[in-house]
Amino acid sequence: MAVRVWLSAILLAFLLAASPFAQVGRAQSEEDDAMAEVVEGADLGIVGDDTPVSSDGPLSPASGVETVCVFPKNAGKIVPAGEETELLVGLQNEGESTLNVVAVHSTLHLPYDHRMYGQNLTVQNFFNASVPVSVQATFPYTFAVSKFLQPGAYDLVGYIVYEIDQHPYQNVFYNGTIEVVEVGGLLSVESVFLITLGIALLGLLGLWAYGQVQQLSKKTKKAPKVELGTGTTDANMDEWLEGTAFAKGKSKKNK
């Protein structure tokens, strides 16, 4: 009897301990299904550049809603001017109600003053994009900066707009620097200038080195040798000295 009671107690404890894991597994499965529904059921609509998102005023984020941004295969956040750039917006709903994603949009600012707009970028609308409670969802966003924009560093501010119980909210999913470059920008204006300046400096250095070598060669050039000795005597000089005492003395010396 005691053994049965003991076995029953162990079985009951095991069932109680296993029930939270079963609930967690069920909840995780439901979240995965909801994630699939969000990804598959979210219809996209692209609105042109400089199109504002309708609202009566500045929107604030809802409690329990967190966002994150990823530039896939673009860790340096390099944005070619005039070409499309894609990023992914991750949203996690830890609030109390299902939210509906309305749109994603962004603005470009000068890095030293956000009050100066560089460009209002594309507004991308979403239809039927609902995110239930305790679910994470990812939304693609594609934008393109003007091809006439001066290359350099700019600050990108991205927003995701959503509704909860028909009340609009907004989260900033990215507020950081991007690098705008020319398309195929290996030979930008700055690069051409630097290359030209480098070639000019190398030319001046070569001319200076050539001048130094020339001066050194002039200093080290040897003067012609003057040989003094008794090896030979000019014939004309001998004729002038014939019959003199010097010629007789020289003749004796040679003998």
Protein backbone atom coordinates (compact mmCIF):
# COMPACT_ATOMS: atom_id res chain seq x y z
CA MET A 1 0.00 0.00 0.00
CA ALA A 2 2.77 2.35 0.94
CA VAL A 3 4.54 1.52 -2.32
CA ARG A 4 1.42 2.42 -4.34
CA VAL A 5 1.02 5.74 -2.51
CA TRP A 6 4.69 6.48 -3.12
CA LEU A 7 4.42 5.65 -6.84
CA SER A 8 1.26 7.78 -7.15
CA ALA A 9 3.03 10.73 -5.55
CA ILE A 10 5.98 10.39 -7.95
CA LEU A 11 3.65 10.17 -10.97
CA LEU A 12 1.68 13.24 -9.84
CA ALA A 13 4.86 15.24 -9.29
CA PHE A 14 6.13 14.23 -12.75
CA LEU A 15 2.88 15.33 -14.40
CA LEU A 16 2.95 18.66 -12.58
CA ALA A 17 6.55 19.24 -13.57
CA ALA A 18 5.96 18.34 -17.21
CA SER A 19 2.86 20.49 -17.70
CA PRO A 20 4.70 23.85 -17.96
CA PHE A 21 6.95 22.43 -20.68
CA ALA A 22 3.93 21.22 -22.59
CA GLN A 23 2.37 24.67 -22.33
CA VAL A 24 5.59 26.31 -23.44
CA GLY A 25 5.87 23.96 -26.40
CA ARG A 26 2.24 24.62 -27.35
CA ALA A 27 2.75 28.37 -27.08
CA GLN A 28 5.93 28.20 -29.16
CA SER A 29 4.10 26.23 -31.84
CA GLU A 30 1.30 28.80 -31.87
CA GLU A 31 3.86 31.61 -32.17
CA ASP A 32 5.51 29.87 -35.11
CA ASP A 33 2.15 29.45 -36.84
CA ALA A 34 1.30 33.09 -36.22
CA MET A 35 4.71 34.13 -37.55
CA ALA A 36 4.06 32.18 -40.73
CA GLU A 37 0.67 33.86 -41.08
CA VAL A 38 2.22 37.28 -40.65
CA VAL A 39 4.94 36.65 -43.22
CA GLU A 40 2.62 35.04 -45.78
CA GLY A 41 -0.40 37.26 -45.22
CA ALA A 42 1.33 40.63 -45.21
CA ASP A 43 0.57 42.30 -48.54
CA LEU A 44 2.95 45.10 -49.50
CA GLY A 45 2.15 48.42 -51.07
CA ILE A 46 4.81 50.89 -52.19
CA VAL A 47 4.03 54.59 -51.98
CA GLY A 48 6.21 57.11 -53.79
CA ASP A 49 8.94 59.20 -52.21
CA ASP A 50 8.06 62.29 -50.19
CA THR A 51 4.67 60.82 -49.24
CA PRO A 52 3.94 61.48 -45.56
CA VAL A 53 2.21 58.95 -43.33
CA SER A 54 -1.15 60.38 -42.31
CA SER A 55 -1.43 61.27 -38.65
CA ASP A 56 -2.70 64.17 -36.58
CA GLY A 57 0.61 64.60 -34.81
CA PRO A 58 3.75 62.86 -33.57
CA LEU A 59 3.09 59.24 -32.67
CA SER A 60 4.52 57.49 -29.64
CA PRO A 61 5.47 53.80 -29.24
CA ALA A 62 3.07 51.40 -27.57
CA SER A 63 3.99 49.65 -24.36
CA GLY A 64 5.53 46.21 -24.86
CA VAL A 65 6.38 46.67 -28.55
CA GLU A 66 10.07 46.38 -29.40
CA THR A 67 11.78 46.77 -32.78
CA VAL A 68 15.17 45.95 -34.30
CA CYS A 69 16.77 46.59 -37.70
CA VAL A 70 19.16 44.49 -39.80
CA PHE A 71 20.93 45.31 -43.08
CA PRO A 72 21.25 41.84 -44.65
CA LYS A 73 24.69 41.18 -46.16
CA ASN A 74 25.56 44.85 -45.67
CA ALA A 75 27.33 45.23 -42.35
CA GLY A 76 28.96 48.48 -43.46
CA LYS A 77 25.55 50.03 -44.25
CA ILE A 78 26.74 51.12 -47.71
CA VAL A 79 23.92 52.68 -49.77
CA PRO A 80 24.57 53.26 -53.51
CA ALA A 81 22.90 56.47 -54.66
CA GLY A 82 19.99 55.83 -57.02
CA GLU A 83 19.82 52.08 -56.31
CA GLU A 84 17.47 50.17 -54.02
CA THR A 85 18.68 49.09 -50.60
CA GLU A 86 16.85 46.50 -48.51
CA LEU A 87 16.70 46.21 -44.74
CA LEU A 88 14.66 44.04 -42.38
CA VAL A 89 12.56 45.39 -39.55
CA GLY A 90 11.97 43.00 -36.67
CA LEU A 91 8.99 43.63 -34.38
CA GLN A 92 8.11 41.86 -31.14
CA ASN A 93 4.68 42.27 -29.59
CA GLU A 94 4.77 41.78 -25.84
CA GLY A 95 1.72 43.94 -25.22
CA GLU A 96 -1.81 42.95 -24.36
CA SER A 97 -3.48 43.12 -27.79
CA THR A 98 -2.84 42.18 -31.40
CA LEU A 99 -1.31 44.97 -33.45
CA ASN A 100 -1.68 45.72 -37.14
CA VAL A 101 1.35 47.03 -39.01
CA VAL A 102 0.36 49.96 -41.25
CA ALA A 103 3.55 51.22 -42.89
CA VAL A 104 7.30 51.59 -42.76
CA HIS A 105 9.01 54.82 -43.81
CA SER A 106 12.26 56.67 -43.21
CA THR A 107 13.97 60.03 -43.57
CA LEU A 108 17.52 61.09 -44.35
CA HIS A 109 19.25 63.81 -42.34
CA LEU A 110 22.54 65.61 -42.25
CA PRO A 111 24.63 64.02 -39.48
CA TYR A 112 25.36 67.26 -37.64
CA ASP A 113 21.78 68.58 -37.61
CA HIS A 114 18.65 66.38 -37.79
CA ARG A 115 16.51 69.44 -38.39
CA MET A 116 17.97 69.61 -41.89
CA TYR A 117 16.33 66.94 -44.06
CA GLY A 118 18.33 65.34 -46.80
CA GLN A 119 15.41 63.40 -48.27
CA ASN A 120 12.08 61.82 -47.33
CA LEU A 121 12.39 58.21 -48.44
CA THR A 122 9.82 55.69 -49.66
CA VAL A 123 6.70 54.93 -47.62
CA GLN A 124 5.91 51.21 -47.77
CA ASN A 125 2.39 50.23 -46.76
CA PHE A 126 1.38 46.84 -45.38
CA PHE A 127 -2.06 45.25 -45.63
CA ASN A 128 -3.36 42.42 -43.42
CA ALA A 129 -0.10 42.41 -41.44
CA SER A 130 -1.20 41.54 -37.93
CA VAL A 131 1.13 40.52 -35.11
CA PRO A 132 -0.51 38.66 -32.20
CA VAL A 133 0.64 38.90 -28.61
CA SER A 134 4.01 37.22 -27.81
CA VAL A 135 4.89 36.93 -31.49
CA GLN A 136 7.93 38.16 -33.38
CA ALA A 137 7.61 39.18 -37.02
CA THR A 138 9.96 40.50 -39.69
CA PHE A 139 9.02 43.04 -42.36
CA PRO A 140 11.15 43.92 -45.40
CA TYR A 141 11.69 47.55 -46.30
CA THR A 142 13.25 48.78 -49.54
CA PHE A 143 14.33 52.38 -50.10
CA ALA A 144 16.50 54.35 -52.51
CA VAL A 145 18.26 57.66 -52.01
CA SER A 146 18.45 60.18 -54.83
CA LYS A 147 21.14 59.55 -57.45
CA PHE A 148 21.99 63.26 -57.25
CA LEU A 149 22.74 63.10 -53.54
CA GLN A 150 26.31 64.06 -52.65
CA PRO A 151 28.23 60.97 -51.45
CA GLY A 152 29.08 60.91 -47.76
CA ALA A 153 27.78 59.98 -44.32
CA TYR A 154 24.12 60.62 -43.51
CA ASP A 155 21.82 59.72 -40.64
CA LEU A 156 18.91 57.44 -41.47
CA VAL A 157 15.86 57.46 -39.21
CA GLY A 158 13.37 54.65 -39.83
CA TYR A 159 9.82 54.38 -38.47
CA ILE A 160 7.28 51.57 -38.31
CA VAL A 161 3.64 52.63 -37.87
CA TYR A 162 1.04 50.25 -36.42
CA GLU A 163 -2.39 50.25 -34.81
CA ILE A 164 -3.66 48.69 -31.61
CA ASP A 165 -7.42 48.81 -31.08
CA GLN A 166 -7.60 51.38 -33.90
CA HIS A 167 -5.15 53.71 -32.16
CA PRO A 168 -2.00 54.57 -34.17
CA TYR A 169 1.46 54.14 -32.69
CA GLN A 170 4.97 54.45 -34.03
CA ASN A 171 8.40 53.00 -33.17
CA VAL A 172 11.80 54.17 -34.38
CA PHE A 173 13.46 50.97 -35.58
CA TYR A 174 16.71 52.60 -36.72
CA ASN A 175 18.48 55.87 -35.97
CA GLY A 176 22.06 55.72 -37.17
CA THR A 177 24.60 56.51 -39.85
CA ILE A 178 24.70 55.13 -43.38
CA GLU A 179 27.33 55.72 -46.07
CA VAL A 180 26.00 56.97 -49.40
CA VAL A 181 28.32 56.19 -52.32
CA GLU A 182 28.21 56.68 -56.07
CA VAL A 183 27.18 53.72 -58.20
CA GLY A 184 30.39 51.91 -59.07
CA GLY A 185 31.99 54.60 -56.97
CA LEU A 186 35.59 53.42 -57.12
CA LEU A 187 36.37 56.53 -59.20
CA SER A 188 34.48 59.23 -57.38
CA VAL A 189 35.45 62.90 -57.60
CA GLU A 190 37.37 62.64 -54.34
CA SER A 191 39.18 59.51 -55.52
CA VAL A 192 40.21 61.13 -58.81
CA PHE A 193 41.50 64.18 -56.94
CA LEU A 194 43.53 62.07 -54.53
CA ILE A 195 45.00 59.96 -57.33
CA THR A 196 45.97 63.09 -59.30
CA LEU A 197 47.51 64.68 -56.23
CA GLY A 198 49.50 61.52 -55.51
CA ILE A 199 50.86 61.37 -59.07
CA ALA A 200 51.87 65.06 -58.91
CA LEU A 201 53.67 64.55 -55.60
CA LEU A 202 55.53 61.54 -56.99
CA GLY A 203 56.59 63.59 -60.03
CA LEU A 204 57.91 66.42 -57.87
CA LEU A 205 59.77 63.94 -55.70
CA GLY A 206 61.35 62.38 -58.80
CA LEU A 207 62.50 65.78 -60.10
CA TRP A 208 64.03 66.68 -56.73
CA ALA A 209 65.88 63.35 -56.55
CA TYR A 210 67.20 63.81 -60.11
CA GLY A 211 68.53 67.29 -59.23
CA GLN A 212 70.27 65.97 -56.14
CA VAL A 213 71.98 63.24 -58.18
CA GLN A 214 73.15 65.79 -60.77
CA GLN A 215 74.66 68.05 -58.10
CA LEU A 216 76.41 65.12 -56.46
CA SER A 217 77.91 63.97 -59.77
CA LYS A 218 79.28 67.46 -60.46
CA LYS A 219 80.99 67.63 -57.07
CA THR A 220 82.60 64.23 -57.42
CA LYS A 221 83.76 64.69 -61.04
CA LYS A 222 87.58 64.33 -61.22
CA ALA A 223 89.87 66.96 -62.82
CA PRO A 224 92.08 65.80 -65.80
CA LYS A 225 95.45 64.41 -64.73
CA VAL A 226 98.63 66.35 -65.56
CA GLU A 227 101.67 64.12 -65.87
CA LEU A 228 105.06 65.57 -65.11
CA GLY A 229 108.12 63.55 -65.96
CA THR A 230 111.00 62.97 -68.33
CA GLY A 231 109.44 60.38 -70.59
CA THR A 232 109.12 62.48 -73.78
CA THR A 233 110.30 65.85 -75.05
CA ASP A 234 108.65 67.93 -77.66
CA ALA A 235 110.64 67.89 -80.96
CA ASN A 236 110.34 71.62 -81.38
CA MET A 237 111.80 72.20 -77.95
CA ASP A 238 114.77 69.97 -78.87
CA GLU A 239 115.46 72.02 -81.98
CA TRP A 240 115.55 75.24 -80.02
CA LEU A 241 117.93 73.78 -77.46
CA GLU A 242 120.43 72.27 -79.95
CA GLY A 243 123.98 73.42 -79.31
CA THR A 244 123.26 74.79 -75.86
CA ALA A 245 124.77 73.64 -72.64
CA PHE A 246 121.36 72.30 -71.53
CA ALA A 247 121.19 70.05 -74.60
CA LYS A 248 124.72 68.75 -74.03
CA GLY A 249 123.98 68.04 -70.37
CA LYS A 250 120.78 66.23 -71.25
CA SER A 251 122.61 64.17 -73.88
CA LYS A 252 125.18 63.06 -71.37
CA LYS A 253 122.43 62.19 -68.89
CA ASN A 254 120.62 60.06 -71.45
CA LYS A 255 123.86 58.17 -72.24
